[in-house]
Amino acid sequence: RPVEVPWAPAHPGISRGACPPPRSHLALRAVCGLAMGGSASTTTKQRPSLIQGLGASIRDAMRPTRQQMALAWQSQARDEGRPLGLEEVRMVMSTLMDIQIKEAVDEANKVKSDMARQQAQMEKVCRNYRAEVAAQGSEVSMDTLDGALALAMGTATAPVMAGMMAGYMDIPVTCLTAMKADEELMAKRVQLLFRPRGQVVDTLSREEFEKLYLDFFDNAPRILGDGGGYFDGGSD
């Protein structure tokens, strides 16, 4: 039977459509390009930047969804319209991070399983290509030969690529866990939420909390990009 993969080059022994396309993973999109130097040519001197990668990942892969924030808010306010005090908001933030961490762990595990499946599939497709090259002999087409060569390269490097992608998916888990564990900074963060315009307030509405809380994730690339002179972002 032909191996069915949607991402393989056109080939007589391989048909398409059995395997669903890979899921869209924000962590991979946010970090992979920056960590690997973006779209820079291998002939340029542009270097990957951990700081830029972190900022993009915080914004794109760790920003809580509206649904997650609603669930966390409801854990302290059955009436969603009721504003909450400082201690209640602190509990909302703790619950929200728990929700995010759990979902990030689940997603990372799915990606790791998917990477292992794709690695095995690539090896199988490579064997099909090599068999086709051998069967066609001197009549082999350039496309079939190039496909076999590319897949031979891919099979050799698949463990490295799969490990990198699995590692990228651990970034949100690790970052969010560190964020929750830093009680000192999180306590100051809660206090600042109750001084939205420099004036202390007693309660926050859900809308006010969501806007102020999301500011951290939205502003991370700018804050880390500016850097305050503490790091050079990868420049010489």
Protein backbone atom coordinates (compact mmCIF):
# COMPACT_ATOMS: atom_id res chain seq x y z
CA ARG A 1 0.00 0.00 0.00
CA PRO A 2 1.25 3.50 -0.70
CA VAL A 3 2.26 5.61 2.27
CA GLU A 4 -0.19 8.47 2.60
CA VAL A 5 1.31 11.76 3.76
CA PRO A 6 0.17 15.27 2.86
CA TRP A 7 3.62 16.82 3.16
CA ALA A 8 5.61 14.46 0.92
CA PRO A 9 6.63 15.46 -2.62
CA ALA A 10 4.57 14.06 -5.48
CA HIS A 11 5.69 10.51 -6.06
CA PRO A 12 4.17 7.41 -7.72
CA GLY A 13 4.43 5.31 -4.55
CA ILE A 14 3.05 7.92 -2.18
CA SER A 15 -0.44 9.35 -2.07
CA ARG A 16 -1.72 12.25 0.03
CA GLY A 17 -4.41 12.88 2.57
CA ALA A 18 -4.31 10.21 5.27
CA CYS A 19 -2.44 12.21 7.89
CA PRO A 20 -4.01 15.49 9.03
CA PRO A 21 -1.83 18.59 8.67
CA PRO A 22 0.16 19.51 11.77
CA ARG A 23 -1.62 21.60 14.38
CA SER A 24 -0.95 25.30 14.55
CA HIS A 25 1.35 25.87 17.54
CA LEU A 26 1.93 29.46 18.61
CA ALA A 27 5.01 28.56 20.59
CA LEU A 28 6.66 27.06 17.52
CA ARG A 29 5.77 30.00 15.32
CA ALA A 30 6.80 32.56 17.93
CA VAL A 31 10.13 31.08 18.92
CA CYS A 32 11.43 28.84 16.13
CA GLY A 33 12.01 31.59 13.62
CA LEU A 34 13.70 33.94 16.07
CA ALA A 35 15.75 31.24 17.75
CA MET A 36 16.98 30.01 14.38
CA GLY A 37 17.80 33.46 13.08
CA GLY A 38 14.44 34.27 11.50
CA SER A 39 14.43 34.43 7.73
CA ALA A 40 18.02 35.59 7.58
CA SER A 41 20.18 34.00 4.92
CA THR A 42 22.95 31.69 6.07
CA THR A 43 25.36 34.14 4.45
CA THR A 44 24.37 37.03 6.74
CA LYS A 45 25.80 37.74 10.18
CA GLN A 46 22.43 38.15 11.91
CA ARG A 47 22.42 36.10 15.09
CA PRO A 48 19.47 34.55 16.90
CA SER A 49 18.31 36.47 19.96
CA LEU A 50 17.09 34.72 23.11
CA ILE A 51 15.61 37.98 24.36
CA GLN A 52 13.57 38.56 21.19
CA GLY A 53 12.47 34.94 21.21
CA LEU A 54 11.36 35.22 24.83
CA GLY A 55 9.38 38.39 24.15
CA ALA A 56 7.62 36.88 21.15
CA SER A 57 6.86 33.69 23.06
CA ILE A 58 5.39 35.55 26.05
CA ARG A 59 3.12 37.54 23.77
CA ASP A 60 2.11 34.81 21.32
CA ALA A 61 2.25 31.58 23.32
CA MET A 62 1.56 32.56 26.92
CA ARG A 63 -1.11 35.24 26.60
CA PRO A 64 -4.21 33.82 28.31
CA THR A 65 -7.39 33.38 26.31
CA ARG A 66 -10.65 35.09 27.17
CA GLN A 67 -12.09 31.71 28.10
CA GLN A 68 -9.24 30.98 30.53
CA MET A 69 -9.62 34.39 32.13
CA ALA A 70 -13.37 33.96 32.45
CA LEU A 71 -12.96 30.59 34.20
CA ALA A 72 -10.43 32.05 36.63
CA TRP A 73 -12.64 35.06 37.40
CA GLN A 74 -15.64 32.83 38.02
CA SER A 75 -13.66 30.90 40.62
CA GLN A 76 -13.95 33.96 42.87
CA ALA A 77 -17.06 35.72 41.53
CA ARG A 78 -20.16 33.74 40.67
CA ASP A 79 -21.67 37.03 39.59
CA GLU A 80 -19.33 38.06 36.77
CA GLY A 81 -20.38 41.67 37.17
CA ARG A 82 -19.16 41.87 40.76
CA PRO A 83 -15.81 43.66 41.21
CA LEU A 84 -13.17 41.90 43.29
CA GLY A 85 -10.79 43.05 45.98
CA LEU A 86 -7.03 42.62 46.11
CA GLU A 87 -6.93 39.19 47.80
CA GLU A 88 -9.62 37.84 45.48
CA VAL A 89 -7.75 39.10 42.43
CA ARG A 90 -4.59 37.44 43.72
CA MET A 91 -6.51 34.15 43.85
CA VAL A 92 -7.87 34.76 40.34
CA MET A 93 -4.33 35.20 39.03
CA SER A 94 -3.15 32.04 40.78
CA THR A 95 -6.07 30.05 39.36
CA LEU A 96 -5.50 31.52 35.91
CA MET A 97 -1.85 30.47 35.89
CA ASP A 98 -2.84 26.97 37.03
CA ILE A 99 -5.26 26.74 34.10
CA GLN A 100 -2.64 27.99 31.66
CA ILE A 101 0.05 25.63 32.94
CA LYS A 102 -2.23 22.60 32.70
CA GLU A 103 -3.27 23.43 29.15
CA ALA A 104 0.34 24.15 28.16
CA VAL A 105 1.45 20.78 29.56
CA ASP A 106 -1.33 18.99 27.69
CA GLU A 107 -0.41 20.75 24.44
CA ALA A 108 3.30 20.03 24.88
CA ASN A 109 2.58 16.33 25.39
CA LYS A 110 0.44 16.26 22.24
CA VAL A 111 3.22 17.88 20.21
CA LYS A 112 5.86 15.47 21.52
CA SER A 113 3.66 12.52 20.58
CA ASP A 114 3.00 14.06 17.17
CA MET A 115 6.71 14.64 16.58
CA ALA A 116 7.47 10.98 17.33
CA ARG A 117 4.74 9.89 14.91
CA GLN A 118 5.99 12.21 12.17
CA GLN A 119 9.58 11.02 12.66
CA ALA A 120 8.54 7.39 12.16
CA GLN A 121 6.44 8.40 9.15
CA MET A 122 9.37 10.24 7.57
CA GLU A 123 11.59 7.19 7.91
CA LYS A 124 8.92 5.05 6.21
CA VAL A 125 8.50 7.51 3.36
CA CYS A 126 12.28 7.67 2.90
CA ARG A 127 12.40 3.89 2.49
CA ASN A 128 9.67 4.11 -0.16
CA TYR A 129 11.62 6.72 -2.08
CA ARG A 130 14.83 4.73 -1.98
CA ALA A 131 12.98 1.64 -3.19
CA GLU A 132 11.52 3.66 -6.06
CA VAL A 133 14.97 4.98 -7.02
CA ALA A 134 16.37 1.45 -7.03
CA ALA A 135 13.42 0.11 -9.04
CA GLN A 136 13.64 2.81 -11.73
CA GLY A 137 17.40 2.49 -12.14
CA SER A 138 18.74 4.73 -14.88
CA GLU A 139 15.18 5.85 -15.71
CA VAL A 140 14.70 7.54 -12.34
CA SER A 141 13.41 11.11 -12.56
CA MET A 142 15.26 14.03 -11.00
CA ASP A 143 12.27 14.81 -8.75
CA THR A 144 12.21 11.27 -7.36
CA LEU A 145 15.96 11.29 -6.81
CA ASP A 146 15.85 14.71 -5.16
CA GLY A 147 12.97 13.58 -2.96
CA ALA A 148 14.94 10.54 -1.83
CA LEU A 149 18.00 12.67 -1.08
CA ALA A 150 16.01 15.29 0.85
CA LEU A 151 14.26 12.63 2.90
CA ALA A 152 17.54 10.86 3.62
CA MET A 153 18.81 14.14 5.03
CA GLY A 154 15.56 14.61 6.94
CA THR A 155 15.68 11.13 8.42
CA ALA A 156 19.20 11.72 9.70
CA THR A 157 18.30 15.03 11.33
CA ALA A 158 14.73 14.18 12.40
CA PRO A 159 15.69 13.37 16.02
CA VAL A 160 17.38 16.77 16.35
CA MET A 161 14.46 18.65 14.77
CA ALA A 162 11.87 16.75 16.81
CA GLY A 163 13.83 17.43 19.99
CA MET A 164 14.05 21.14 19.21
CA MET A 165 10.33 21.44 18.51
CA ALA A 166 9.43 19.47 21.63
CA GLY A 167 11.75 21.75 23.61
CA TYR A 168 10.06 24.84 22.22
CA MET A 169 6.71 23.53 23.44
CA ASP A 170 8.13 23.33 26.99
CA ILE A 171 8.87 27.07 26.99
CA PRO A 172 5.34 28.20 28.00
CA VAL A 173 5.19 25.52 30.71
CA THR A 174 8.54 26.53 32.18
CA CYS A 175 7.89 30.27 31.95
CA LEU A 176 4.40 30.16 33.44
CA THR A 177 5.59 27.87 36.24
CA ALA A 178 8.41 30.31 37.05
CA MET A 179 5.97 33.20 36.92
CA LYS A 180 3.65 31.62 39.46
CA ALA A 181 6.51 30.51 41.72
CA ASP A 182 7.91 34.06 42.01
CA GLU A 183 5.63 35.14 44.84
CA GLU A 184 7.50 38.40 45.47
CA LEU A 185 7.12 39.76 41.95
CA MET A 186 3.57 38.47 41.58
CA ALA A 187 2.55 40.17 44.84
CA LYS A 188 3.91 43.47 43.53
CA ARG A 189 2.11 42.86 40.23
CA VAL A 190 -1.21 42.47 42.06
CA GLN A 191 -0.57 45.65 44.04
CA LEU A 192 0.11 47.59 40.84
CA LEU A 193 -3.12 46.32 39.31
CA PHE A 194 -4.89 48.28 42.06
CA ARG A 195 -3.05 51.47 41.11
CA PRO A 196 -4.05 51.59 37.44
CA ARG A 197 -3.56 55.34 37.04
CA GLY A 198 -1.36 56.04 40.04
CA GLN A 199 -4.36 56.12 42.37
CA VAL A 200 -5.17 53.24 44.70
CA VAL A 201 -8.55 51.58 44.09
CA ASP A 202 -10.34 49.10 46.35
CA THR A 203 -11.76 46.79 43.67
CA LEU A 204 -11.35 45.84 40.02
CA SER A 205 -14.00 44.86 37.53
CA ARG A 206 -13.43 41.86 35.32
CA GLU A 207 -12.89 44.13 32.30
CA GLU A 208 -10.33 46.25 34.16
CA PHE A 209 -8.50 43.17 35.41
CA GLU A 210 -8.32 41.59 31.95
CA LYS A 211 -6.95 44.74 30.33
CA LEU A 212 -4.33 45.37 33.02
CA TYR A 213 -3.28 41.73 33.24
CA LEU A 214 -2.95 41.33 29.47
CA ASP A 215 -0.75 44.43 29.27
CA PHE A 216 2.19 42.35 30.56
CA PHE A 217 1.94 39.83 27.71
CA ASP A 218 1.26 42.45 25.03
CA ASN A 219 4.13 44.68 26.15
CA ALA A 220 6.74 41.95 26.70
CA PRO A 221 8.38 42.21 23.22
CA ARG A 222 8.72 45.99 23.58
CA ILE A 223 9.99 45.88 27.17
CA LEU A 224 12.51 43.15 26.41
CA GLY A 225 13.43 44.83 23.12
CA ASP A 226 14.23 48.10 24.86
CA GLY A 227 16.11 46.20 27.52
CA GLY A 228 17.03 49.23 29.54
CA GLY A 229 20.68 48.66 28.57
CA TYR A 230 20.90 45.36 30.45
CA PHE A 231 21.37 43.19 27.37
CA ASP A 232 22.37 43.72 23.77
CA GLY A 233 19.79 41.48 22.04
CA GLY A 234 22.49 39.53 20.24
CA SER A 235 24.51 42.35 18.72
CA ASP A 236 28.29 42.43 18.87
